[in-house]
Amino acid sequence: MDGGTDDLEALIAGFDRGVLISRFWYSRMLEPQRLLVTGLTRDGTFFIEKGKIVEPLRNFRWNDSPLSVLAKVVALGKPQRAGLSRGRVMVVPPLVVSEFELASSSDAV
């Protein structure tokens, strides 16, 4: 995905209330037929209110389909380095999605 031109701060400023997830720990396939995947957030989940990050949140278990998430994209930010995967640098845009299935909070660190 090419992404947009807004930086992350500009995307956050557009929120009345939301959750910023800046890191996923892992993902595992739950239901291959539906492409349902599960995973945990890690070290970077925050509550957004009135366009500002107001507090850190506990980690969450999430269950969603990448196809469903992509169908709910409402904005893309400027692509940025997001880490390594199999020795390759990942550069991806931040996504703003209208819904993301956070199933439960987790004590995982």
N, C-alpha and C. Protein backbone atom coordinates (compact mmCIF):
# COMPACT_ATOMS: atom_id res chain seq x y z
N MET A 1 0.85 -1.18 0.00
CA MET A 1 0.00 0.00 0.00
C MET A 1 0.89 1.24 0.00
N ASP A 2 0.54 2.18 -0.80
CA ASP A 2 1.31 3.41 -0.88
C ASP A 2 1.15 4.28 0.36
N GLY A 3 -0.03 4.31 0.93
CA GLY A 3 -0.26 5.15 2.10
C GLY A 3 -0.68 6.55 1.72
N GLY A 4 -0.85 7.36 2.75
CA GLY A 4 -1.25 8.75 2.56
C GLY A 4 -0.10 9.69 2.84
N THR A 5 -0.44 10.92 3.18
CA THR A 5 0.59 11.93 3.44
C THR A 5 0.63 12.38 4.90
N ASP A 6 -0.41 12.05 5.68
CA ASP A 6 -0.45 12.48 7.08
C ASP A 6 0.50 11.66 7.94
N ASP A 7 1.15 12.33 8.90
CA ASP A 7 1.95 11.58 9.85
C ASP A 7 1.02 11.04 10.95
N LEU A 8 1.57 10.22 11.82
CA LEU A 8 0.76 9.58 12.86
C LEU A 8 0.06 10.58 13.76
N GLU A 9 0.74 11.67 14.12
CA GLU A 9 0.15 12.68 14.99
C GLU A 9 -1.09 13.31 14.35
N ALA A 10 -1.05 13.54 13.05
CA ALA A 10 -2.20 14.11 12.35
C ALA A 10 -3.36 13.12 12.33
N LEU A 11 -3.07 11.83 12.18
CA LEU A 11 -4.14 10.83 12.21
C LEU A 11 -4.78 10.78 13.60
N ILE A 12 -3.96 10.80 14.64
CA ILE A 12 -4.47 10.76 16.02
C ILE A 12 -5.32 11.99 16.31
N ALA A 13 -4.92 13.14 15.80
CA ALA A 13 -5.65 14.39 16.05
C ALA A 13 -7.08 14.33 15.52
N GLY A 14 -7.37 13.45 14.58
CA GLY A 14 -8.71 13.33 14.01
C GLY A 14 -9.66 12.46 14.82
N PHE A 15 -9.21 11.90 15.93
CA PHE A 15 -10.03 10.99 16.72
C PHE A 15 -10.71 11.69 17.88
N ASP A 16 -11.98 11.37 18.11
CA ASP A 16 -12.64 11.77 19.34
C ASP A 16 -12.29 10.76 20.43
N ARG A 17 -12.47 9.47 20.12
CA ARG A 17 -12.11 8.38 21.03
C ARG A 17 -11.62 7.22 20.19
N GLY A 18 -10.56 6.57 20.64
CA GLY A 18 -10.05 5.43 19.91
C GLY A 18 -8.91 4.76 20.65
N VAL A 19 -8.37 3.74 20.02
CA VAL A 19 -7.24 3.00 20.58
C VAL A 19 -6.12 3.00 19.54
N LEU A 20 -4.95 3.38 19.97
CA LEU A 20 -3.75 3.33 19.13
C LEU A 20 -3.01 2.04 19.45
N ILE A 21 -2.82 1.21 18.45
CA ILE A 21 -2.03 -0.01 18.60
C ILE A 21 -0.77 0.19 17.78
N SER A 22 0.35 0.28 18.45
CA SER A 22 1.59 0.55 17.73
C SER A 22 2.45 -0.70 17.55
N ARG A 23 2.08 -1.80 18.20
CA ARG A 23 2.88 -3.01 18.05
C ARG A 23 2.02 -4.25 18.28
N PHE A 24 2.17 -5.21 17.36
CA PHE A 24 1.57 -6.53 17.53
C PHE A 24 2.68 -7.50 17.90
N TRP A 25 2.37 -8.41 18.82
CA TRP A 25 3.38 -9.34 19.28
C TRP A 25 3.48 -10.54 18.34
N TYR A 26 2.38 -11.17 18.05
CA TYR A 26 2.36 -12.32 17.16
C TYR A 26 0.98 -12.45 16.57
N SER A 27 0.84 -13.30 15.59
CA SER A 27 -0.48 -13.62 15.06
C SER A 27 -0.49 -15.11 14.69
N ARG A 28 -1.66 -15.72 14.90
CA ARG A 28 -1.85 -17.15 14.61
C ARG A 28 -3.19 -17.32 13.90
N MET A 29 -3.22 -18.22 12.95
CA MET A 29 -4.45 -18.52 12.22
C MET A 29 -5.41 -19.29 13.12
N LEU A 30 -6.66 -18.82 13.22
CA LEU A 30 -7.70 -19.51 13.97
C LEU A 30 -8.58 -20.34 13.04
N GLU A 31 -9.07 -19.69 12.00
CA GLU A 31 -9.98 -20.35 11.06
C GLU A 31 -9.53 -20.03 9.63
N PRO A 32 -8.78 -20.93 9.02
CA PRO A 32 -8.26 -20.66 7.68
C PRO A 32 -9.34 -20.38 6.63
N GLN A 33 -10.49 -21.03 6.74
CA GLN A 33 -11.56 -20.81 5.75
C GLN A 33 -12.06 -19.38 5.77
N ARG A 34 -12.12 -18.78 6.95
CA ARG A 34 -12.59 -17.39 7.09
C ARG A 34 -11.43 -16.39 7.19
N LEU A 35 -10.20 -16.89 7.14
CA LEU A 35 -9.01 -16.07 7.36
C LEU A 35 -9.07 -15.32 8.69
N LEU A 36 -9.60 -15.99 9.71
CA LEU A 36 -9.68 -15.39 11.05
C LEU A 36 -8.36 -15.64 11.77
N VAL A 37 -7.77 -14.55 12.24
CA VAL A 37 -6.45 -14.58 12.87
C VAL A 37 -6.59 -14.04 14.29
N THR A 38 -5.75 -14.53 15.20
CA THR A 38 -5.70 -14.02 16.56
C THR A 38 -4.28 -13.58 16.88
N GLY A 39 -4.14 -12.77 17.91
CA GLY A 39 -2.82 -12.33 18.35
C GLY A 39 -2.93 -11.44 19.57
N LEU A 40 -1.81 -10.85 19.95
CA LEU A 40 -1.77 -9.94 21.08
C LEU A 40 -1.11 -8.63 20.66
N THR A 41 -1.55 -7.55 21.31
CA THR A 41 -0.83 -6.29 21.18
C THR A 41 0.32 -6.37 22.18
N ARG A 42 1.29 -5.48 22.02
CA ARG A 42 2.41 -5.52 22.96
C ARG A 42 3.13 -4.18 23.01
N ASP A 43 3.38 -3.71 24.23
CA ASP A 43 4.25 -2.55 24.46
C ASP A 43 3.89 -1.35 23.61
N GLY A 44 2.67 -0.95 23.57
CA GLY A 44 2.37 0.23 22.77
C GLY A 44 0.91 0.33 22.41
N THR A 45 0.04 0.18 23.39
CA THR A 45 -1.40 0.32 23.18
C THR A 45 -1.87 1.47 24.07
N PHE A 46 -2.54 2.45 23.43
CA PHE A 46 -2.88 3.68 24.14
C PHE A 46 -4.31 4.10 23.85
N PHE A 47 -4.92 4.77 24.82
CA PHE A 47 -6.25 5.33 24.67
C PHE A 47 -6.12 6.74 24.11
N ILE A 48 -6.92 7.02 23.08
CA ILE A 48 -6.94 8.35 22.46
C ILE A 48 -8.27 9.01 22.80
N GLU A 49 -8.22 10.26 23.22
CA GLU A 49 -9.43 11.02 23.49
C GLU A 49 -9.21 12.46 23.06
N LYS A 50 -10.16 12.99 22.31
CA LYS A 50 -10.11 14.37 21.82
C LYS A 50 -8.79 14.68 21.10
N GLY A 51 -8.36 13.72 20.27
CA GLY A 51 -7.18 13.93 19.44
C GLY A 51 -5.84 13.83 20.14
N LYS A 52 -5.83 13.32 21.38
CA LYS A 52 -4.58 13.20 22.13
C LYS A 52 -4.47 11.82 22.77
N ILE A 53 -3.24 11.33 22.88
CA ILE A 53 -3.00 10.11 23.64
C ILE A 53 -3.09 10.48 25.11
N VAL A 54 -4.02 9.82 25.84
CA VAL A 54 -4.23 10.21 27.24
C VAL A 54 -3.69 9.20 28.24
N GLU A 55 -3.60 7.92 27.86
CA GLU A 55 -3.07 6.94 28.81
C GLU A 55 -2.73 5.64 28.12
N PRO A 56 -1.77 4.91 28.70
CA PRO A 56 -1.48 3.58 28.16
C PRO A 56 -2.58 2.61 28.57
N LEU A 57 -2.77 1.57 27.77
CA LEU A 57 -3.75 0.53 28.06
C LEU A 57 -3.03 -0.80 28.22
N ARG A 58 -3.71 -1.74 28.88
CA ARG A 58 -3.18 -3.10 28.95
C ARG A 58 -3.17 -3.68 27.54
N ASN A 59 -2.42 -4.73 27.37
CA ASN A 59 -2.41 -5.41 26.09
C ASN A 59 -3.76 -6.09 25.85
N PHE A 60 -4.06 -6.32 24.57
CA PHE A 60 -5.32 -6.95 24.19
C PHE A 60 -5.07 -8.17 23.32
N ARG A 61 -5.93 -9.17 23.50
CA ARG A 61 -6.03 -10.23 22.52
C ARG A 61 -6.97 -9.72 21.44
N TRP A 62 -6.62 -9.96 20.19
CA TRP A 62 -7.47 -9.53 19.08
C TRP A 62 -7.80 -10.73 18.21
N ASN A 63 -8.96 -10.69 17.59
CA ASN A 63 -9.42 -11.71 16.65
C ASN A 63 -10.05 -10.98 15.48
N ASP A 64 -9.45 -11.08 14.32
CA ASP A 64 -10.01 -10.40 13.16
C ASP A 64 -9.42 -11.00 11.90
N SER A 65 -10.00 -10.67 10.79
CA SER A 65 -9.51 -11.12 9.49
C SER A 65 -8.80 -9.96 8.80
N PRO A 66 -7.63 -10.19 8.22
CA PRO A 66 -6.97 -9.11 7.50
C PRO A 66 -7.85 -8.54 6.39
N LEU A 67 -8.65 -9.37 5.75
CA LEU A 67 -9.55 -8.88 4.70
C LEU A 67 -10.61 -7.96 5.28
N SER A 68 -11.14 -8.31 6.44
CA SER A 68 -12.13 -7.48 7.10
C SER A 68 -11.52 -6.15 7.52
N VAL A 69 -10.32 -6.19 8.06
CA VAL A 69 -9.64 -4.97 8.49
C VAL A 69 -9.41 -4.05 7.29
N LEU A 70 -8.91 -4.59 6.20
CA LEU A 70 -8.66 -3.76 5.02
C LEU A 70 -9.94 -3.17 4.45
N ALA A 71 -11.05 -3.88 4.61
CA ALA A 71 -12.33 -3.35 4.13
C ALA A 71 -12.83 -2.19 4.99
N LYS A 72 -12.30 -2.07 6.22
CA LYS A 72 -12.74 -1.03 7.14
C LYS A 72 -11.76 0.14 7.26
N VAL A 73 -10.76 0.20 6.38
CA VAL A 73 -9.79 1.29 6.40
C VAL A 73 -10.49 2.60 6.02
N VAL A 74 -10.33 3.62 6.87
CA VAL A 74 -10.91 4.94 6.57
C VAL A 74 -9.83 5.98 6.28
N ALA A 75 -8.58 5.68 6.64
CA ALA A 75 -7.47 6.60 6.35
C ALA A 75 -6.16 5.84 6.42
N LEU A 76 -5.20 6.32 5.63
CA LEU A 76 -3.84 5.78 5.64
C LEU A 76 -2.88 6.93 5.89
N GLY A 77 -1.86 6.67 6.69
CA GLY A 77 -0.84 7.68 6.94
C GLY A 77 0.39 7.48 6.08
N LYS A 78 1.38 8.30 6.34
CA LYS A 78 2.65 8.22 5.62
C LYS A 78 3.37 6.94 6.02
N PRO A 79 3.82 6.14 5.04
CA PRO A 79 4.52 4.88 5.36
C PRO A 79 5.75 5.14 6.24
N GLN A 80 5.96 4.19 7.17
CA GLN A 80 7.10 4.30 8.07
C GLN A 80 7.65 2.91 8.37
N ARG A 81 8.88 2.87 8.80
CA ARG A 81 9.50 1.59 9.13
C ARG A 81 8.78 0.98 10.33
N ALA A 82 8.41 -0.28 10.18
CA ALA A 82 7.65 -0.93 11.25
C ALA A 82 8.40 -2.11 11.87
N GLY A 83 9.57 -2.42 11.38
CA GLY A 83 10.35 -3.51 11.95
C GLY A 83 10.90 -4.43 10.88
N LEU A 84 11.30 -5.61 11.34
CA LEU A 84 11.87 -6.61 10.44
C LEU A 84 10.98 -7.84 10.38
N SER A 85 10.92 -8.47 9.24
CA SER A 85 10.22 -9.74 9.08
C SER A 85 11.06 -10.61 8.17
N ARG A 86 11.57 -11.70 8.73
CA ARG A 86 12.41 -12.62 7.97
C ARG A 86 13.59 -11.91 7.31
N GLY A 87 14.20 -11.00 8.05
CA GLY A 87 15.36 -10.29 7.56
C GLY A 87 15.08 -9.14 6.62
N ARG A 88 13.83 -8.85 6.35
CA ARG A 88 13.47 -7.74 5.47
C ARG A 88 12.85 -6.61 6.28
N VAL A 89 13.21 -5.40 5.92
CA VAL A 89 12.63 -4.23 6.57
C VAL A 89 11.20 -4.05 6.09
N MET A 90 10.28 -3.88 7.03
CA MET A 90 8.88 -3.62 6.68
C MET A 90 8.63 -2.13 6.75
N VAL A 91 8.10 -1.56 5.69
CA VAL A 91 7.69 -0.16 5.65
C VAL A 91 6.21 -0.16 5.29
N VAL A 92 5.38 0.28 6.24
CA VAL A 92 3.93 0.23 6.05
C VAL A 92 3.30 1.54 6.51
N PRO A 93 2.14 1.88 5.96
CA PRO A 93 1.46 3.07 6.45
C PRO A 93 0.64 2.75 7.70
N PRO A 94 0.51 3.70 8.62
CA PRO A 94 -0.45 3.50 9.72
C PRO A 94 -1.86 3.45 9.13
N LEU A 95 -2.69 2.58 9.68
CA LEU A 95 -4.07 2.42 9.22
C LEU A 95 -5.02 2.96 10.26
N VAL A 96 -6.04 3.66 9.83
CA VAL A 96 -7.17 4.01 10.68
C VAL A 96 -8.31 3.14 10.19
N VAL A 97 -8.82 2.29 11.09
CA VAL A 97 -9.93 1.42 10.73
C VAL A 97 -11.13 1.74 11.61
N SER A 98 -12.32 1.55 11.04
CA SER A 98 -13.53 1.91 11.78
C SER A 98 -13.82 0.93 12.91
N GLU A 99 -13.37 -0.29 12.80
CA GLU A 99 -13.57 -1.29 13.85
C GLU A 99 -12.42 -2.29 13.81
N PHE A 100 -12.01 -2.76 14.97
CA PHE A 100 -11.01 -3.81 15.07
C PHE A 100 -11.40 -4.64 16.28
N GLU A 101 -11.45 -5.95 16.12
CA GLU A 101 -12.00 -6.82 17.15
C GLU A 101 -11.00 -7.09 18.28
N LEU A 102 -11.08 -6.27 19.34
CA LEU A 102 -10.29 -6.50 20.54
C LEU A 102 -11.12 -7.39 21.45
N ALA A 103 -10.73 -8.65 21.56
CA ALA A 103 -11.56 -9.64 22.22
C ALA A 103 -11.51 -9.56 23.74
N SER A 104 -10.32 -9.31 24.30
CA SER A 104 -10.20 -9.25 25.76
C SER A 104 -8.88 -8.58 26.12
N SER A 105 -8.79 -8.10 27.36
CA SER A 105 -7.51 -7.56 27.81
C SER A 105 -6.63 -8.74 28.23
N SER A 106 -5.34 -8.50 28.27
CA SER A 106 -4.40 -9.56 28.54
C SER A 106 -3.33 -9.08 29.50
N ASP A 107 -2.87 -9.99 30.35
CA ASP A 107 -1.77 -9.67 31.27
C ASP A 107 -0.41 -9.81 30.59
N ALA A 108 -0.40 -10.22 29.33
CA ALA A 108 0.85 -10.43 28.62
C ALA A 108 1.66 -9.14 28.60
N VAL A 109 2.97 -9.28 28.71
CA VAL A 109 3.87 -8.13 28.69
C VAL A 109 4.69 -8.18 27.43
